[in-house]
Amino acid sequence: MTEQSMYKNFWPKRLKLNIHAPGTGAALIILALTQIPVAIKAAAEVACIGEVSNKLLRQNKSHQGINVSAVRLCNGQN
């Protein structure tokens, strides 16, 4: 059996996926809107870790344990 014929037989004949269906655009918009808060939080965490690790590196003059400490400080732990 060739690769192309295996792909054709993978989906049942009744299941037709149409990316141009009316609800597809709305579903994609909803998915994008629900991911915006997650992206903002992740970007803020990355910025915080970068700033804190840079500050700790200048104080300690050593790379050992800097990132671990920065992640703890940014997550609200001591």
PDB file of N, CA and C in Angstrom:
ATOM      1  N   MET A   1       0.856  -1.172   0.000  1.00  0.00           N
ATOM      2  CA  MET A   1       0.000   0.000   0.000  1.00  0.00           C
ATOM      3  C   MET A   1       0.903   1.237   0.000  1.00  0.00           C
ATOM      4  N   THR A   2       0.636   2.191  -0.841  1.00  0.00           N
ATOM      5  CA  THR A   2       1.465   3.387  -0.928  1.00  0.00           C
ATOM      6  C   THR A   2       1.071   4.380   0.157  1.00  0.00           C
ATOM      7  N   GLU A   3       1.954   5.335   0.362  1.00  0.00           N
ATOM      8  CA  GLU A   3       1.711   6.332   1.405  1.00  0.00           C
ATOM      9  C   GLU A   3       0.483   7.174   1.092  1.00  0.00           C
ATOM     10  N   GLN A   4       0.297   7.515  -0.161  1.00  0.00           N
ATOM     11  CA  GLN A   4      -0.832   8.363  -0.535  1.00  0.00           C
ATOM     12  C   GLN A   4      -2.156   7.616  -0.359  1.00  0.00           C
ATOM     13  N   SER A   5      -2.215   6.355  -0.711  1.00  0.00           N
ATOM     14  CA  SER A   5      -3.467   5.619  -0.554  1.00  0.00           C
ATOM     15  C   SER A   5      -3.772   5.360   0.918  1.00  0.00           C
ATOM     16  N   MET A   6      -2.722   5.238   1.764  1.00  0.00           N
ATOM     17  CA  MET A   6      -2.953   5.084   3.192  1.00  0.00           C
ATOM     18  C   MET A   6      -3.573   6.361   3.759  1.00  0.00           C
ATOM     19  N   TYR A   7      -3.127   7.506   3.301  1.00  0.00           N
ATOM     20  CA  TYR A   7      -3.661   8.772   3.782  1.00  0.00           C
ATOM     21  C   TYR A   7      -5.119   8.923   3.380  1.00  0.00           C
ATOM     22  N   LYS A   8      -5.452   8.540   2.191  1.00  0.00           N
ATOM     23  CA  LYS A   8      -6.836   8.665   1.723  1.00  0.00           C
ATOM     24  C   LYS A   8      -7.772   7.768   2.530  1.00  0.00           C
ATOM     25  N   ASN A   9      -7.316   6.611   2.951  1.00  0.00           N
ATOM     26  CA  ASN A   9      -8.159   5.677   3.682  1.00  0.00           C
ATOM     27  C   ASN A   9      -8.199   5.982   5.178  1.00  0.00           C
ATOM     28  N   PHE A  10      -7.391   6.914   5.652  1.00  0.00           N
ATOM     29  CA  PHE A  10      -7.321   7.207   7.078  1.00  0.00           C
ATOM     30  C   PHE A  10      -8.622   7.829   7.584  1.00  0.00           C
ATOM     31  N   TRP A  11      -9.157   8.800   6.875  1.00  0.00           N
ATOM     32  CA  TRP A  11     -10.384   9.473   7.303  1.00  0.00           C
ATOM     33  C   TRP A  11     -11.603   8.727   6.773  1.00  0.00           C
ATOM     34  N   PRO A  12     -12.604   8.537   7.608  1.00  0.00           N
ATOM     35  CA  PRO A  12     -13.837   7.898   7.119  1.00  0.00           C
ATOM     36  C   PRO A  12     -14.488   8.751   6.026  1.00  0.00           C
ATOM     37  N   LYS A  13     -15.233   8.090   5.157  1.00  0.00           N
ATOM     38  CA  LYS A  13     -15.833   8.807   4.029  1.00  0.00           C
ATOM     39  C   LYS A  13     -16.869   9.820   4.496  1.00  0.00           C
ATOM     40  N   ARG A  14     -17.526   9.573   5.607  1.00  0.00           N
ATOM     41  CA  ARG A  14     -18.563  10.490   6.085  1.00  0.00           C
ATOM     42  C   ARG A  14     -17.969  11.741   6.737  1.00  0.00           C
ATOM     43  N   LEU A  15     -16.760  11.649   7.246  1.00  0.00           N
ATOM     44  CA  LEU A  15     -16.134  12.781   7.934  1.00  0.00           C
ATOM     45  C   LEU A  15     -15.448  13.676   6.905  1.00  0.00           C
ATOM     46  N   LYS A  16     -16.067  14.780   6.629  1.00  0.00           N
ATOM     47  CA  LYS A  16     -15.501  15.742   5.688  1.00  0.00           C
ATOM     48  C   LYS A  16     -15.116  16.991   6.468  1.00  0.00           C
ATOM     49  N   LEU A  17     -13.840  17.305   6.512  1.00  0.00           N
ATOM     50  CA  LEU A  17     -13.375  18.492   7.203  1.00  0.00           C
ATOM     51  C   LEU A  17     -13.307  19.639   6.202  1.00  0.00           C
ATOM     52  N   ASN A  18     -13.990  20.726   6.525  1.00  0.00           N
ATOM     53  CA  ASN A  18     -14.024  21.875   5.628  1.00  0.00           C
ATOM     54  C   ASN A  18     -13.515  23.088   6.401  1.00  0.00           C
ATOM     55  N   ILE A  19     -12.350  23.603   6.008  1.00  0.00           N
ATOM     56  CA  ILE A  19     -11.798  24.752   6.722  1.00  0.00           C
ATOM     57  C   ILE A  19     -12.511  26.037   6.324  1.00  0.00           C
ATOM     58  N   HIS A  20     -13.358  25.996   5.344  1.00  0.00           N
ATOM     59  CA  HIS A  20     -14.090  27.179   4.901  1.00  0.00           C
ATOM     60  C   HIS A  20     -15.517  27.211   5.456  1.00  0.00           C
ATOM     61  N   ALA A  21     -15.791  26.383   6.446  1.00  0.00           N
ATOM     62  CA  ALA A  21     -17.121  26.353   7.044  1.00  0.00           C
ATOM     63  C   ALA A  21     -17.378  27.656   7.800  1.00  0.00           C
ATOM     64  N   PRO A  22     -18.644  28.048   7.952  1.00  0.00           N
ATOM     65  CA  PRO A  22     -18.951  29.339   8.601  1.00  0.00           C
ATOM     66  C   PRO A  22     -18.446  29.465  10.037  1.00  0.00           C
ATOM     67  N   GLY A  23     -18.445  28.414  10.800  1.00  0.00           N
ATOM     68  CA  GLY A  23     -18.026  28.500  12.197  1.00  0.00           C
ATOM     69  C   GLY A  23     -16.528  28.463  12.409  1.00  0.00           C
ATOM     70  N   THR A  24     -15.762  28.169  11.373  1.00  0.00           N
ATOM     71  CA  THR A  24     -14.317  28.039  11.535  1.00  0.00           C
ATOM     72  C   THR A  24     -13.677  29.354  11.944  1.00  0.00           C
ATOM     73  N   GLY A  25     -14.054  30.436  11.316  1.00  0.00           N
ATOM     74  CA  GLY A  25     -13.487  31.738  11.652  1.00  0.00           C
ATOM     75  C   GLY A  25     -13.801  32.147  13.067  1.00  0.00           C
ATOM     76  N   ALA A  26     -15.050  31.929  13.493  1.00  0.00           N
ATOM     77  CA  ALA A  26     -15.442  32.279  14.857  1.00  0.00           C
ATOM     78  C   ALA A  26     -14.685  31.420  15.871  1.00  0.00           C
ATOM     79  N   ALA A  27     -14.507  30.153  15.561  1.00  0.00           N
ATOM     80  CA  ALA A  27     -13.777  29.269  16.471  1.00  0.00           C
ATOM     81  C   ALA A  27     -12.324  29.708  16.601  1.00  0.00           C
ATOM     82  N   LEU A  28     -11.709  30.094  15.512  1.00  0.00           N
ATOM     83  CA  LEU A  28     -10.324  30.555  15.562  1.00  0.00           C
ATOM     84  C   LEU A  28     -10.192  31.858  16.339  1.00  0.00           C
ATOM     85  N   ILE A  29     -11.162  32.750  16.200  1.00  0.00           N
ATOM     86  CA  ILE A  29     -11.142  34.013  16.949  1.00  0.00           C
ATOM     87  C   ILE A  29     -11.270  33.741  18.441  1.00  0.00           C
ATOM     88  N   ILE A  30     -12.171  32.840  18.807  1.00  0.00           N
ATOM     89  CA  ILE A  30     -12.345  32.495  20.227  1.00  0.00           C
ATOM     90  C   ILE A  30     -11.072  31.875  20.784  1.00  0.00           C
ATOM     91  N   LEU A  31     -10.458  30.972  20.024  1.00  0.00           N
ATOM     92  CA  LEU A  31      -9.207  30.365  20.481  1.00  0.00           C
ATOM     93  C   LEU A  31      -8.113  31.413  20.663  1.00  0.00           C
ATOM     94  N   ALA A  32      -8.010  32.347  19.743  1.00  0.00           N
ATOM     95  CA  ALA A  32      -6.988  33.394  19.848  1.00  0.00           C
ATOM     96  C   ALA A  32      -7.246  34.283  21.058  1.00  0.00           C
ATOM     97  N   LEU A  33      -8.496  34.659  21.285  1.00  0.00           N
ATOM     98  CA  LEU A  33      -8.810  35.527  22.419  1.00  0.00           C
ATOM     99  C   LEU A  33      -8.561  34.854  23.766  1.00  0.00           C
ATOM    100  N   THR A  34      -8.758  33.551  23.834  1.00  0.00           N
ATOM    101  CA  THR A  34      -8.517  32.870  25.104  1.00  0.00           C
ATOM    102  C   THR A  34      -7.031  32.700  25.378  1.00  0.00           C
ATOM    103  N   GLN A  35      -6.201  32.804  24.361  1.00  0.00           N
ATOM    104  CA  GLN A  35      -4.761  32.633  24.558  1.00  0.00           C
ATOM    105  C   GLN A  35      -4.037  33.943  24.861  1.00  0.00           C
ATOM    106  N   ILE A  36      -4.693  35.079  24.675  1.00  0.00           N
ATOM    107  CA  ILE A  36      -4.046  36.373  24.913  1.00  0.00           C
ATOM    108  C   ILE A  36      -3.630  36.540  26.375  1.00  0.00           C
ATOM    109  N   PRO A  37      -4.480  36.262  27.367  1.00  0.00           N
ATOM    110  CA  PRO A  37      -4.026  36.412  28.758  1.00  0.00           C
ATOM    111  C   PRO A  37      -2.843  35.504  29.108  1.00  0.00           C
ATOM    112  N   VAL A  38      -2.826  34.305  28.568  1.00  0.00           N
ATOM    113  CA  VAL A  38      -1.730  33.373  28.821  1.00  0.00           C
ATOM    114  C   VAL A  38      -0.434  33.925  28.234  1.00  0.00           C
ATOM    115  N   ALA A  39      -0.512  34.483  27.041  1.00  0.00           N
ATOM    116  CA  ALA A  39       0.677  35.044  26.400  1.00  0.00           C
ATOM    117  C   ALA A  39       1.195  36.262  27.157  1.00  0.00           C
ATOM    118  N   ILE A  40       0.300  37.096  27.654  1.00  0.00           N
ATOM    119  CA  ILE A  40       0.718  38.273  28.417  1.00  0.00           C
ATOM    120  C   ILE A  40       1.418  37.845  29.703  1.00  0.00           C
ATOM    121  N   LYS A  41       0.858  36.853  30.406  1.00  0.00           N
ATOM    122  CA  LYS A  41       1.463  36.378  31.647  1.00  0.00           C
ATOM    123  C   LYS A  41       2.841  35.775  31.381  1.00  0.00           C
ATOM    124  N   ALA A  42       2.965  34.986  30.328  1.00  0.00           N
ATOM    125  CA  ALA A  42       4.251  34.366  30.013  1.00  0.00           C
ATOM    126  C   ALA A  42       5.294  35.411  29.645  1.00  0.00           C
ATOM    127  N   ALA A  43       4.902  36.430  28.879  1.00  0.00           N
ATOM    128  CA  ALA A  43       5.838  37.490  28.510  1.00  0.00           C
ATOM    129  C   ALA A  43       6.281  38.279  29.735  1.00  0.00           C
ATOM    130  N   ALA A  44       5.362  38.531  30.666  1.00  0.00           N
ATOM    131  CA  ALA A  44       5.715  39.244  31.891  1.00  0.00           C
ATOM    132  C   ALA A  44       6.670  38.418  32.743  1.00  0.00           C
ATOM    133  N   GLU A  45       6.462  37.114  32.817  1.00  0.00           N
ATOM    134  CA  GLU A  45       7.364  36.252  33.580  1.00  0.00           C
ATOM    135  C   GLU A  45       8.763  36.240  32.982  1.00  0.00           C
ATOM    136  N   VAL A  46       8.848  36.162  31.659  1.00  0.00           N
ATOM    137  CA  VAL A  46      10.152  36.158  30.999  1.00  0.00           C
ATOM    138  C   VAL A  46      10.873  37.478  31.234  1.00  0.00           C
ATOM    139  N   ALA A  47      10.157  38.591  31.148  1.00  0.00           N
ATOM    140  CA  ALA A  47      10.766  39.898  31.383  1.00  0.00           C
ATOM    141  C   ALA A  47      11.231  40.021  32.831  1.00  0.00           C
ATOM    142  N   CYS A  48      10.422  39.552  33.761  1.00  0.00           N
ATOM    143  CA  CYS A  48      10.788  39.608  35.181  1.00  0.00           C
ATOM    144  C   CYS A  48      12.033  38.766  35.453  1.00  0.00           C
ATOM    145  N   ILE A  49      12.070  37.563  34.924  1.00  0.00           N
ATOM    146  CA  ILE A  49      13.218  36.679  35.143  1.00  0.00           C
ATOM    147  C   ILE A  49      14.476  37.298  34.557  1.00  0.00           C
ATOM    148  N   GLY A  50      14.372  37.912  33.407  1.00  0.00           N
ATOM    149  CA  GLY A  50      15.532  38.566  32.798  1.00  0.00           C
ATOM    150  C   GLY A  50      16.054  39.713  33.631  1.00  0.00           C
ATOM    151  N   GLU A  51      15.154  40.553  34.116  1.00  0.00           N
ATOM    152  CA  GLU A  51      15.562  41.709  34.929  1.00  0.00           C
ATOM    153  C   GLU A  51      16.164  41.263  36.260  1.00  0.00           C
ATOM    154  N   VAL A  52      15.499  40.324  36.933  1.00  0.00           N
ATOM    155  CA  VAL A  52      15.971  39.884  38.242  1.00  0.00           C
ATOM    156  C   VAL A  52      17.296  39.146  38.124  1.00  0.00           C
ATOM    157  N   SER A  53      17.430  38.284  37.117  1.00  0.00           N
ATOM    158  CA  SER A  53      18.690  37.557  36.968  1.00  0.00           C
ATOM    159  C   SER A  53      19.833  38.503  36.640  1.00  0.00           C
ATOM    160  N   ASN A  54      19.581  39.540  35.859  1.00  0.00           N
ATOM    161  CA  ASN A  54      20.610  40.527  35.550  1.00  0.00           C
ATOM    162  C   ASN A  54      21.036  41.270  36.818  1.00  0.00           C
ATOM    163  N   LYS A  55      20.056  41.637  37.641  1.00  0.00           N
ATOM    164  CA  LYS A  55      20.347  42.345  38.890  1.00  0.00           C
ATOM    165  C   LYS A  55      21.150  41.457  39.847  1.00  0.00           C
ATOM    166  N   LEU A  56      20.733  40.175  39.965  1.00  0.00           N
ATOM    167  CA  LEU A  56      21.442  39.258  40.855  1.00  0.00           C
ATOM    168  C   LEU A  56      22.854  38.968  40.349  1.00  0.00           C
ATOM    169  N   LEU A  57      23.017  38.894  39.051  1.00  0.00           N
ATOM    170  CA  LEU A  57      24.344  38.645  38.475  1.00  0.00           C
ATOM    171  C   LEU A  57      25.292  39.794  38.798  1.00  0.00           C
ATOM    172  N   ARG A  58      24.798  41.024  38.730  1.00  0.00           N
ATOM    173  CA  ARG A  58      25.638  42.180  39.056  1.00  0.00           C
ATOM    174  C   ARG A  58      26.012  42.195  40.531  1.00  0.00           C
ATOM    175  N   GLN A  59      25.091  41.751  41.396  1.00  0.00           N
ATOM    176  CA  GLN A  59      25.382  41.738  42.833  1.00  0.00           C
ATOM    177  C   GLN A  59      26.344  40.619  43.215  1.00  0.00           C
ATOM    178  N   ASN A  60      26.102  39.412  42.698  1.00  0.00           N
ATOM    179  CA  ASN A  60      26.866  38.238  43.121  1.00  0.00           C
ATOM    180  C   ASN A  60      28.124  38.007  42.303  1.00  0.00           C
ATOM    181  N   LYS A  61      28.179  38.520  41.099  1.00  0.00           N
ATOM    182  CA  LYS A  61      29.306  38.317  40.179  1.00  0.00           C
ATOM    183  C   LYS A  61      29.588  36.830  39.936  1.00  0.00           C
ATOM    184  N   SER A  62      28.508  36.037  39.951  1.00  0.00           N
ATOM    185  CA  SER A  62      28.621  34.603  39.711  1.00  0.00           C
ATOM    186  C   SER A  62      27.326  34.125  39.053  1.00  0.00           C
ATOM    187  N   HIS A  63      27.462  33.178  38.144  1.00  0.00           N
ATOM    188  CA  HIS A  63      26.289  32.651  37.442  1.00  0.00           C
ATOM    189  C   HIS A  63      25.600  31.533  38.209  1.00  0.00           C
ATOM    190  N   GLN A  64      26.216  31.039  39.243  1.00  0.00           N
ATOM    191  CA  GLN A  64      25.702  29.870  39.941  1.00  0.00           C
ATOM    192  C   GLN A  64      24.396  30.175  40.667  1.00  0.00           C
ATOM    193  N   GLY A  65      23.315  29.502  40.273  1.00  0.00           N
ATOM    194  CA  GLY A  65      22.030  29.613  40.940  1.00  0.00           C
ATOM    195  C   GLY A  65      21.250  30.890  40.651  1.00  0.00           C
ATOM    196  N   ILE A  66      21.725  31.698  39.734  1.00  0.00           N
ATOM    197  CA  ILE A  66      21.076  32.977  39.454  1.00  0.00           C
ATOM    198  C   ILE A  66      19.676  32.770  38.877  1.00  0.00           C
ATOM    199  N   ASN A  67      19.554  31.903  37.875  1.00  0.00           N
ATOM    200  CA  ASN A  67      18.254  31.721  37.228  1.00  0.00           C
ATOM    201  C   ASN A  67      17.236  31.079  38.160  1.00  0.00           C
ATOM    202  N   VAL A  68      17.674  30.168  38.996  1.00  0.00           N
ATOM    203  CA  VAL A  68      16.770  29.534  39.943  1.00  0.00           C
ATOM    204  C   VAL A  68      16.232  30.575  40.913  1.00  0.00           C
ATOM    205  N   SER A  69      17.130  31.413  41.408  1.00  0.00           N
ATOM    206  CA  SER A  69      16.713  32.470  42.327  1.00  0.00           C
ATOM    207  C   SER A  69      15.780  33.470  41.647  1.00  0.00           C
ATOM    208  N   ALA A  70      16.063  33.787  40.396  1.00  0.00           N
ATOM    209  CA  ALA A  70      15.221  34.744  39.670  1.00  0.00           C
ATOM    210  C   ALA A  70      13.820  34.192  39.458  1.00  0.00           C
ATOM    211  N   VAL A  71      13.712  32.924  39.115  1.00  0.00           N
ATOM    212  CA  VAL A  71      12.390  32.310  38.930  1.00  0.00           C
ATOM    213  C   VAL A  71      11.621  32.299  40.237  1.00  0.00           C
ATOM    214  N   ARG A  72      12.309  31.984  41.341  1.00  0.00           N
ATOM    215  CA  ARG A  72      11.637  31.975  42.646  1.00  0.00           C
ATOM    216  C   ARG A  72      11.136  33.377  43.011  1.00  0.00           C
ATOM    217  N   LEU A  73      11.970  34.378  42.795  1.00  0.00           N
ATOM    218  CA  LEU A  73      11.557  35.748  43.137  1.00  0.00           C
ATOM    219  C   LEU A  73      10.392  36.201  42.273  1.00  0.00           C
ATOM    220  N   CYS A  74      10.409  35.869  41.004  1.00  0.00           N
ATOM    221  CA  CYS A  74       9.327  36.293  40.106  1.00  0.00           C
ATOM    222  C   CYS A  74       8.018  35.566  40.378  1.00  0.00           C
ATOM    223  N   ASN A  75       8.118  34.367  40.936  1.00  0.00           N
ATOM    224  CA  ASN A  75       6.907  33.619  41.274  1.00  0.00           C
ATOM    225  C   ASN A  75       6.395  33.928  42.674  1.00  0.00           C
ATOM    226  N   GLY A  76       7.065  34.863  43.375  1.00  0.00           N
ATOM    227  CA  GLY A  76       6.588  35.286  44.680  1.00  0.00           C
ATOM    228  C   GLY A  76       7.143  34.510  45.838  1.00  0.00           C
ATOM    229  N   GLN A  77       8.121  33.651  45.608  1.00  0.00           N
ATOM    230  CA  GLN A  77       8.735  32.916  46.698  1.00  0.00           C
ATOM    231  C   GLN A  77      10.000  33.642  47.148  1.00  0.00           C
ATOM    232  N   ASN A  78      10.494  33.291  48.314  1.00  0.00           N
ATOM    233  CA  ASN A  78      11.727  33.917  48.825  1.00  0.00           C
ATOM    234  C   ASN A  78      12.946  33.183  48.375  1.00  0.00           C
TER     235      ASN A  78
END
